Structures are given as C-alpha cells and as structure tokens.
C-alpha cells in the first residue's frame, strides 16, 4: 500500500481483530504488564514516536480531532 492510500474497511477490521487478540489479557504471559507511560503515541501515524521508522512513515490516519473516539 502506498503511503497516500487509505486501508480498506476489511483491512482495518482485520487489523483491529489482530490488535484485540494480541492485547487480550488472556493471551499475555503470566505476570506481564503493558506500560507505555513514558512513550509518546502519534495518532496520525498509529505508532509510538520512539520507533526507528517513525520519521520515515507517512500519516496513516486523519488528524486526531477528525478521528472517532
């Protein structure tokens, strides 16, 4: 997919299902925690700003104020 292309509805639904499965508490190793309090998330790129590929990744989502809550 080119960085200007928007993902299809089916792709978005698939990504959301995969994300929910990965983040489901029952799928985490015992005693594990998810703590991103020290990280900044870029809602327009859909990734944390400390990732190596953050600067080279194009915007994937609309500005935050245009996104549904």
C-alpha atoms as a PDB file:
ATOM      1  CA  UNK A   1       0.000   0.000   0.000  1.00  0.00           C
ATOM      2  CA  UNK A   2       1.342   3.440  -0.899  1.00  0.00           C
ATOM      3  CA  UNK A   3       1.581   5.876   1.996  1.00  0.00           C
ATOM      4  CA  UNK A   4      -1.160   8.037   0.404  1.00  0.00           C
ATOM      5  CA  UNK A   5      -3.596   5.092   0.187  1.00  0.00           C
ATOM      6  CA  UNK A   6      -6.085   4.512   2.963  1.00  0.00           C
ATOM      7  CA  UNK A   7      -6.583   0.940   4.147  1.00  0.00           C
ATOM      8  CA  UNK A   8      -9.823  -0.701   3.079  1.00  0.00           C
ATOM      9  CA  UNK A   9     -12.572  -1.300   5.613  1.00  0.00           C
ATOM     10  CA  UNK A  10     -11.764  -5.021   5.547  1.00  0.00           C
ATOM     11  CA  UNK A  11      -8.069  -4.313   6.251  1.00  0.00           C
ATOM     12  CA  UNK A  12      -8.960  -2.008   9.140  1.00  0.00           C
ATOM     13  CA  UNK A  13     -11.310  -4.627  10.604  1.00  0.00           C
ATOM     14  CA  UNK A  14      -8.623  -7.323  10.284  1.00  0.00           C
ATOM     15  CA  UNK A  15      -6.028  -5.107  11.986  1.00  0.00           C
ATOM     16  CA  UNK A  16      -8.460  -4.309  14.793  1.00  0.00           C
ATOM     17  CA  UNK A  17      -9.189  -8.024  15.330  1.00  0.00           C
ATOM     18  CA  UNK A  18      -5.466  -8.860  15.405  1.00  0.00           C
ATOM     19  CA  UNK A  19      -4.738  -5.998  17.793  1.00  0.00           C
ATOM     20  CA  UNK A  20      -7.541  -7.043  20.135  1.00  0.00           C
ATOM     21  CA  UNK A  21      -6.231 -10.627  20.118  1.00  0.00           C
ATOM     22  CA  UNK A  22      -2.659  -9.517  20.849  1.00  0.00           C
ATOM     23  CA  UNK A  23      -3.751  -7.208  23.657  1.00  0.00           C
ATOM     24  CA  UNK A  24      -6.266  -9.562  25.250  1.00  0.00           C
ATOM     25  CA  UNK A  25      -5.247 -10.238  28.811  1.00  0.00           C
ATOM     26  CA  UNK A  26      -5.741 -13.994  28.419  1.00  0.00           C
ATOM     27  CA  UNK A  27      -3.104 -14.029  25.618  1.00  0.00           C
ATOM     28  CA  UNK A  28      -0.395 -12.322  27.677  1.00  0.00           C
ATOM     29  CA  UNK A  29       2.272 -14.295  29.521  1.00  0.00           C
ATOM     30  CA  UNK A  30       1.546 -14.666  33.227  1.00  0.00           C
ATOM     31  CA  UNK A  31       2.713 -11.664  35.227  1.00  0.00           C
ATOM     32  CA  UNK A  32       3.261  -9.445  32.182  1.00  0.00           C
ATOM     33  CA  UNK A  33       2.256  -5.791  32.107  1.00  0.00           C
ATOM     34  CA  UNK A  34       1.763  -3.257  29.342  1.00  0.00           C
ATOM     35  CA  UNK A  35       3.227   0.096  30.344  1.00  0.00           C
ATOM     36  CA  UNK A  36       3.678   2.826  27.758  1.00  0.00           C
ATOM     37  CA  UNK A  37       3.513   5.745  30.188  1.00  0.00           C
ATOM     38  CA  UNK A  38       6.937   7.034  29.199  1.00  0.00           C
ATOM     39  CA  UNK A  39       6.245   6.905  25.468  1.00  0.00           C
ATOM     40  CA  UNK A  40       4.543   9.360  23.105  1.00  0.00           C
ATOM     41  CA  UNK A  41       1.985   7.990  20.656  1.00  0.00           C
ATOM     42  CA  UNK A  42       1.403   9.621  17.256  1.00  0.00           C
ATOM     43  CA  UNK A  43      -2.301   9.032  16.488  1.00  0.00           C
ATOM     44  CA  UNK A  44      -1.902  10.159  12.867  1.00  0.00           C
ATOM     45  CA  UNK A  45       0.772   7.555  12.151  1.00  0.00           C
ATOM     46  CA  UNK A  46      -0.597   4.917  14.517  1.00  0.00           C
ATOM     47  CA  UNK A  47       2.747   4.296  16.221  1.00  0.00           C
ATOM     48  CA  UNK A  48       4.955   5.476  19.048  1.00  0.00           C
ATOM     49  CA  UNK A  49       7.328   8.324  18.221  1.00  0.00           C
ATOM     50  CA  UNK A  50      10.361   6.427  19.542  1.00  0.00           C
ATOM     51  CA  UNK A  51      10.161   3.761  16.816  1.00  0.00           C
ATOM     52  CA  UNK A  52      13.048   3.858  14.359  1.00  0.00           C
ATOM     53  CA  UNK A  53      10.700   4.106  11.370  1.00  0.00           C
ATOM     54  CA  UNK A  54       8.501   6.871  12.829  1.00  0.00           C
ATOM     55  CA  UNK A  55      10.182   9.712  10.918  1.00  0.00           C
ATOM     56  CA  UNK A  56      10.014   7.888   7.586  1.00  0.00           C
ATOM     57  CA  UNK A  57       6.412   6.704   7.970  1.00  0.00           C
ATOM     58  CA  UNK A  58       3.657   8.720   6.333  1.00  0.00           C
ATOM     59  CA  UNK A  59       0.445   9.706   8.013  1.00  0.00           C
ATOM     60  CA  UNK A  60      -1.997   6.793   8.072  1.00  0.00           C
ATOM     61  CA  UNK A  61      -4.940   8.290   9.936  1.00  0.00           C
ATOM     62  CA  UNK A  62      -6.722  11.662   9.828  1.00  0.00           C
ATOM     63  CA  UNK A  63      -5.808  14.358  12.356  1.00  0.00           C
ATOM     64  CA  UNK A  64      -6.805  13.422  15.898  1.00  0.00           C
ATOM     65  CA  UNK A  65      -9.667  15.911  16.021  1.00  0.00           C
ATOM     66  CA  UNK A  66     -11.223  14.205  12.971  1.00  0.00           C
ATOM     67  CA  UNK A  67     -10.903  10.679  14.367  1.00  0.00           C
ATOM     68  CA  UNK A  68     -13.841   8.995  16.067  1.00  0.00           C
ATOM     69  CA  UNK A  69     -13.443   8.433  19.778  1.00  0.00           C
END
